[in-house]
Amino acid sequence: MRLGPDDIRKILPHREPFLLVDEVVSLEPAKRLVALKHVRASEPYFAGHFPGAPVMPGVLIVEALAQAGAIMLLREIPERDSKLVFFAGINQARFRQPVFPGDTLRLEIEVLSWRTTRSKMSGKAYVGERLVAEAELLATVVERDRARAGKGGTRPE
């Protein structure tokens, strides 16, 4: 299954400049997702990271992986318009190679475990065949209204 930019905007609440997934090229529901992020020279973060030698910040690569994971989770959740996926944790993050303007990140997400409101996923980011980053991602699903009220699912009440 393929999803284009308009499809992604219907699933994720993120918008430019913080929407970091351009398209989904493969999706096995509740199992695996492959998405792309085209790293453009015009991305706003390149102005300061680093002037004259732009490199995509590693934290944004991990965020792109988390957004790809959120797409997969939200596609499977009933009444997804009333839900948000919060990034709940990162384990074993490694940054293997820098990512430059003009690169295309291939974001590969695999579900390791999934309960009703929590999931653990493996995320790997590639440029071509080069592994550039990887991490284990933890996510929690919350009601949008609960999140707006400052009662997200990641901290005790």
C-alpha atoms as a PDB file:
ATOM      1  CA  MET A   1       0.000   0.000   0.000  1.00  0.00           C
ATOM      2  CA  ARG A   2       1.302   3.466  -0.928  1.00  0.00           C
ATOM      3  CA  LEU A   3       0.350   6.748   0.721  1.00  0.00           C
ATOM      4  CA  GLY A   4       1.126  10.171  -0.707  1.00  0.00           C
ATOM      5  CA  PRO A   5       1.493  13.536   1.056  1.00  0.00           C
ATOM      6  CA  ASP A   6      -2.258  14.221   1.151  1.00  0.00           C
ATOM      7  CA  ASP A   7      -2.939  10.783   2.650  1.00  0.00           C
ATOM      8  CA  ILE A   8      -0.264  11.347   5.298  1.00  0.00           C
ATOM      9  CA  ARG A   9      -1.738  14.736   6.247  1.00  0.00           C
ATOM     10  CA  LYS A  10      -5.079  13.003   6.828  1.00  0.00           C
ATOM     11  CA  ILE A  11      -3.424  10.626   9.306  1.00  0.00           C
ATOM     12  CA  LEU A  12      -0.765  12.691  11.124  1.00  0.00           C
ATOM     13  CA  PRO A  13      -1.444  15.985  12.894  1.00  0.00           C
ATOM     14  CA  HIS A  14       2.059  17.252  11.994  1.00  0.00           C
ATOM     15  CA  ARG A  15       2.484  20.014   9.419  1.00  0.00           C
ATOM     16  CA  GLU A  16       5.430  21.677   7.716  1.00  0.00           C
ATOM     17  CA  PRO A  17       8.078  22.386   8.710  1.00  0.00           C
ATOM     18  CA  PHE A  18       7.743  19.545  11.229  1.00  0.00           C
ATOM     19  CA  LEU A  19       6.109  16.955   8.985  1.00  0.00           C
ATOM     20  CA  LEU A  20       9.053  14.649   8.278  1.00  0.00           C
ATOM     21  CA  VAL A  21       7.475  11.867   6.179  1.00  0.00           C
ATOM     22  CA  ASP A  22       6.865  12.546   2.477  1.00  0.00           C
ATOM     23  CA  GLU A  23       5.414   9.233   1.336  1.00  0.00           C
ATOM     24  CA  VAL A  24       4.751   5.676   2.432  1.00  0.00           C
ATOM     25  CA  VAL A  25       5.945   3.117  -0.111  1.00  0.00           C
ATOM     26  CA  SER A  26       5.027  -0.094   1.711  1.00  0.00           C
ATOM     27  CA  LEU A  27       2.719  -0.975   4.570  1.00  0.00           C
ATOM     28  CA  GLU A  28       1.954  -4.333   6.155  1.00  0.00           C
ATOM     29  CA  PRO A  29      -0.746  -3.431   8.698  1.00  0.00           C
ATOM     30  CA  ALA A  30       0.384  -3.753  12.319  1.00  0.00           C
ATOM     31  CA  LYS A  31       3.720  -5.252  11.208  1.00  0.00           C
ATOM     32  CA  ARG A  32       5.967  -3.153   8.997  1.00  0.00           C
ATOM     33  CA  LEU A  33       6.098   0.183   7.181  1.00  0.00           C
ATOM     34  CA  VAL A  34       8.588   1.735   4.746  1.00  0.00           C
ATOM     35  CA  ALA A  35       8.432   5.490   4.164  1.00  0.00           C
ATOM     36  CA  LEU A  36      10.560   8.159   2.497  1.00  0.00           C
ATOM     37  CA  LYS A  37      11.766  11.583   3.583  1.00  0.00           C
ATOM     38  CA  HIS A  38      13.330  13.692   0.839  1.00  0.00           C
ATOM     39  CA  VAL A  39      15.930  15.856   2.557  1.00  0.00           C
ATOM     40  CA  ARG A  40      15.774  19.217   0.779  1.00  0.00           C
ATOM     41  CA  ALA A  41      18.451  21.909   0.940  1.00  0.00           C
ATOM     42  CA  SER A  42      15.645  24.366   1.774  1.00  0.00           C
ATOM     43  CA  GLU A  43      14.841  22.620   5.111  1.00  0.00           C
ATOM     44  CA  PRO A  44      14.874  25.398   7.764  1.00  0.00           C
ATOM     45  CA  TYR A  45      17.189  23.569  10.193  1.00  0.00           C
ATOM     46  CA  PHE A  46      20.091  23.594   7.712  1.00  0.00           C
ATOM     47  CA  ALA A  47      20.533  27.347   8.257  1.00  0.00           C
ATOM     48  CA  GLY A  48      21.947  26.646  11.706  1.00  0.00           C
ATOM     49  CA  HIS A  49      23.048  22.973  11.550  1.00  0.00           C
ATOM     50  CA  PHE A  50      25.740  23.635  10.347  1.00  0.00           C
ATOM     51  CA  PRO A  51      26.263  26.843   8.305  1.00  0.00           C
ATOM     52  CA  GLY A  52      28.447  25.995   5.321  1.00  0.00           C
ATOM     53  CA  ALA A  53      28.373  22.253   6.078  1.00  0.00           C
ATOM     54  CA  PRO A  54      24.685  21.277   6.477  1.00  0.00           C
ATOM     55  CA  VAL A  55      23.877  17.981   8.213  1.00  0.00           C
ATOM     56  CA  MET A  56      20.386  16.753   9.164  1.00  0.00           C
ATOM     57  CA  PRO A  57      20.148  16.695  12.979  1.00  0.00           C
ATOM     58  CA  GLY A  58      20.019  13.152  14.350  1.00  0.00           C
ATOM     59  CA  VAL A  59      17.085  14.029  16.572  1.00  0.00           C
ATOM     60  CA  LEU A  60      15.050  14.843  13.443  1.00  0.00           C
ATOM     61  CA  ILE A  61      15.960  11.496  11.885  1.00  0.00           C
ATOM     62  CA  VAL A  62      14.584   9.815  15.010  1.00  0.00           C
ATOM     63  CA  GLU A  63      11.492  12.050  14.838  1.00  0.00           C
ATOM     64  CA  ALA A  64      10.983  11.010  11.198  1.00  0.00           C
ATOM     65  CA  LEU A  65      11.126   7.368  12.310  1.00  0.00           C
ATOM     66  CA  ALA A  66       8.616   8.116  15.089  1.00  0.00           C
ATOM     67  CA  GLN A  67       6.251   9.825  12.635  1.00  0.00           C
ATOM     68  CA  ALA A  68       6.484   6.833  10.290  1.00  0.00           C
ATOM     69  CA  GLY A  69       5.612   4.581  13.230  1.00  0.00           C
ATOM     70  CA  ALA A  70       2.700   6.834  14.162  1.00  0.00           C
ATOM     71  CA  ILE A  71       1.307   6.510  10.630  1.00  0.00           C
ATOM     72  CA  MET A  72       1.253   2.732  10.975  1.00  0.00           C
ATOM     73  CA  LEU A  73      -0.350   2.842  14.431  1.00  0.00           C
ATOM     74  CA  LEU A  74      -2.990   5.418  13.537  1.00  0.00           C
ATOM     75  CA  ARG A  75      -3.977   3.499  10.377  1.00  0.00           C
ATOM     76  CA  GLU A  76      -4.969   0.556  12.575  1.00  0.00           C
ATOM     77  CA  ILE A  77      -6.759   2.391  15.383  1.00  0.00           C
ATOM     78  CA  PRO A  78     -10.540   2.760  15.267  1.00  0.00           C
ATOM     79  CA  GLU A  79     -11.713   6.381  15.488  1.00  0.00           C
ATOM     80  CA  ARG A  80      -8.180   7.636  14.751  1.00  0.00           C
ATOM     81  CA  ASP A  81      -9.377  11.230  14.309  1.00  0.00           C
ATOM     82  CA  SER A  82      -9.918  11.389  18.069  1.00  0.00           C
ATOM     83  CA  LYS A  83      -6.439   9.987  18.897  1.00  0.00           C
ATOM     84  CA  LEU A  84      -2.828  11.136  19.013  1.00  0.00           C
ATOM     85  CA  VAL A  85       0.321   9.050  19.151  1.00  0.00           C
ATOM     86  CA  PHE A  86       2.870  10.410  21.618  1.00  0.00           C
ATOM     87  CA  PHE A  87       6.529   9.531  21.440  1.00  0.00           C
ATOM     88  CA  ALA A  88       7.133   7.904  24.851  1.00  0.00           C
ATOM     89  CA  GLY A  89      10.768   6.854  24.663  1.00  0.00           C
ATOM     90  CA  ILE A  90      13.878   6.002  22.700  1.00  0.00           C
ATOM     91  CA  ASN A  91      16.171   3.082  23.420  1.00  0.00           C
ATOM     92  CA  GLN A  92      19.450   2.118  21.814  1.00  0.00           C
ATOM     93  CA  ALA A  93      19.593   5.066  19.405  1.00  0.00           C
ATOM     94  CA  ARG A  94      22.649   5.031  17.159  1.00  0.00           C
ATOM     95  CA  PHE A  95      23.676   7.478  14.468  1.00  0.00           C
ATOM     96  CA  ARG A  96      25.903   5.691  11.954  1.00  0.00           C
ATOM     97  CA  GLN A  97      26.390   8.189   9.123  1.00  0.00           C
ATOM     98  CA  PRO A  98      25.532  11.849   8.472  1.00  0.00           C
ATOM     99  CA  VAL A  99      22.556  12.799   6.292  1.00  0.00           C
ATOM    100  CA  PHE A 100      22.980  15.671   3.831  1.00  0.00           C
ATOM    101  CA  PRO A 101      20.739  17.897   1.708  1.00  0.00           C
ATOM    102  CA  GLY A 102      19.702  15.980  -1.394  1.00  0.00           C
ATOM    103  CA  ASP A 103      19.631  12.607   0.377  1.00  0.00           C
ATOM    104  CA  THR A 104      16.472  10.508   0.550  1.00  0.00           C
ATOM    105  CA  LEU A 105      15.907   8.766   3.863  1.00  0.00           C
ATOM    106  CA  ARG A 106      14.241   5.375   3.715  1.00  0.00           C
ATOM    107  CA  LEU A 107      12.492   4.893   7.037  1.00  0.00           C
ATOM    108  CA  GLU A 108      11.817   1.282   8.002  1.00  0.00           C
ATOM    109  CA  ILE A 109       9.586   0.545  10.982  1.00  0.00           C
ATOM    110  CA  GLU A 110       8.864  -2.882  12.429  1.00  0.00           C
ATOM    111  CA  VAL A 111       6.420  -3.489  15.277  1.00  0.00           C
ATOM    112  CA  LEU A 112       8.061  -5.402  18.135  1.00  0.00           C
ATOM    113  CA  SER A 113       5.053  -5.358  20.466  1.00  0.00           C
ATOM    114  CA  TRP A 114       1.662  -3.681  20.489  1.00  0.00           C
ATOM    115  CA  ARG A 115      -0.887  -3.420  23.237  1.00  0.00           C
ATOM    116  CA  THR A 116      -4.061  -1.360  23.097  1.00  0.00           C
ATOM    117  CA  THR A 117      -2.427   1.982  23.898  1.00  0.00           C
ATOM    118  CA  ARG A 118       1.315   1.237  23.860  1.00  0.00           C
ATOM    119  CA  SER A 119       3.735  -0.050  21.289  1.00  0.00           C
ATOM    120  CA  LYS A 120       7.418  -0.774  20.846  1.00  0.00           C
ATOM    121  CA  MET A 121       8.921  -0.486  17.372  1.00  0.00           C
ATOM    122  CA  SER A 122      12.298  -0.914  15.730  1.00  0.00           C
ATOM    123  CA  GLY A 123      13.219   1.951  13.443  1.00  0.00           C
ATOM    124  CA  LYS A 124      16.031   2.046  10.899  1.00  0.00           C
ATOM    125  CA  ALA A 125      16.902   4.892   8.552  1.00  0.00           C
ATOM    126  CA  TYR A 126      18.868   4.336   5.366  1.00  0.00           C
ATOM    127  CA  VAL A 127      20.311   6.485   2.592  1.00  0.00           C
ATOM    128  CA  GLY A 128      20.572   4.100  -0.328  1.00  0.00           C
ATOM    129  CA  GLU A 129      21.853   0.895   1.249  1.00  0.00           C
ATOM    130  CA  ARG A 130      23.749   2.738   4.027  1.00  0.00           C
ATOM    131  CA  LEU A 131      22.277   2.434   7.518  1.00  0.00           C
ATOM    132  CA  VAL A 132      22.443   5.990   8.885  1.00  0.00           C
ATOM    133  CA  ALA A 133      20.458   5.683  12.133  1.00  0.00           C
ATOM    134  CA  GLU A 134      18.526   3.177  14.200  1.00  0.00           C
ATOM    135  CA  ALA A 135      16.538   3.181  17.413  1.00  0.00           C
ATOM    136  CA  GLU A 136      13.910   1.340  19.377  1.00  0.00           C
ATOM    137  CA  LEU A 137      10.870   3.610  19.698  1.00  0.00           C
ATOM    138  CA  LEU A 138       8.173   3.567  22.365  1.00  0.00           C
ATOM    139  CA  ALA A 139       4.793   5.147  21.661  1.00  0.00           C
ATOM    140  CA  THR A 140       1.551   5.646  23.507  1.00  0.00           C
ATOM    141  CA  VAL A 141      -1.890   6.379  22.074  1.00  0.00           C
ATOM    142  CA  VAL A 142      -3.998   9.013  23.847  1.00  0.00           C
ATOM    143  CA  GLU A 143      -7.324  10.710  23.284  1.00  0.00           C
ATOM    144  CA  ARG A 144      -6.872  14.137  21.642  1.00  0.00           C
ATOM    145  CA  ASP A 145      -9.158  15.769  24.203  1.00  0.00           C
ATOM    146  CA  ARG A 146      -7.130  14.293  27.061  1.00  0.00           C
ATOM    147  CA  ALA A 147      -3.924  15.600  25.489  1.00  0.00           C
ATOM    148  CA  ARG A 148      -5.401  19.090  25.074  1.00  0.00           C
ATOM    149  CA  ALA A 149      -6.370  19.067  28.747  1.00  0.00           C
ATOM    150  CA  GLY A 150      -2.739  18.370  29.671  1.00  0.00           C
ATOM    151  CA  LYS A 151      -3.470  14.805  30.711  1.00  0.00           C
ATOM    152  CA  GLY A 152      -1.432  12.831  28.176  1.00  0.00           C
ATOM    153  CA  GLY A 153      -0.865   9.151  28.779  1.00  0.00           C
ATOM    154  CA  THR A 154       2.858   9.322  29.534  1.00  0.00           C
ATOM    155  CA  ARG A 155       2.879  10.740  33.060  1.00  0.00           C
ATOM    156  CA  PRO A 156       1.022   9.956  36.283  1.00  0.00           C
ATOM    157  CA  GLU A 157      -2.030  12.045  37.150  1.00  0.00           C
END
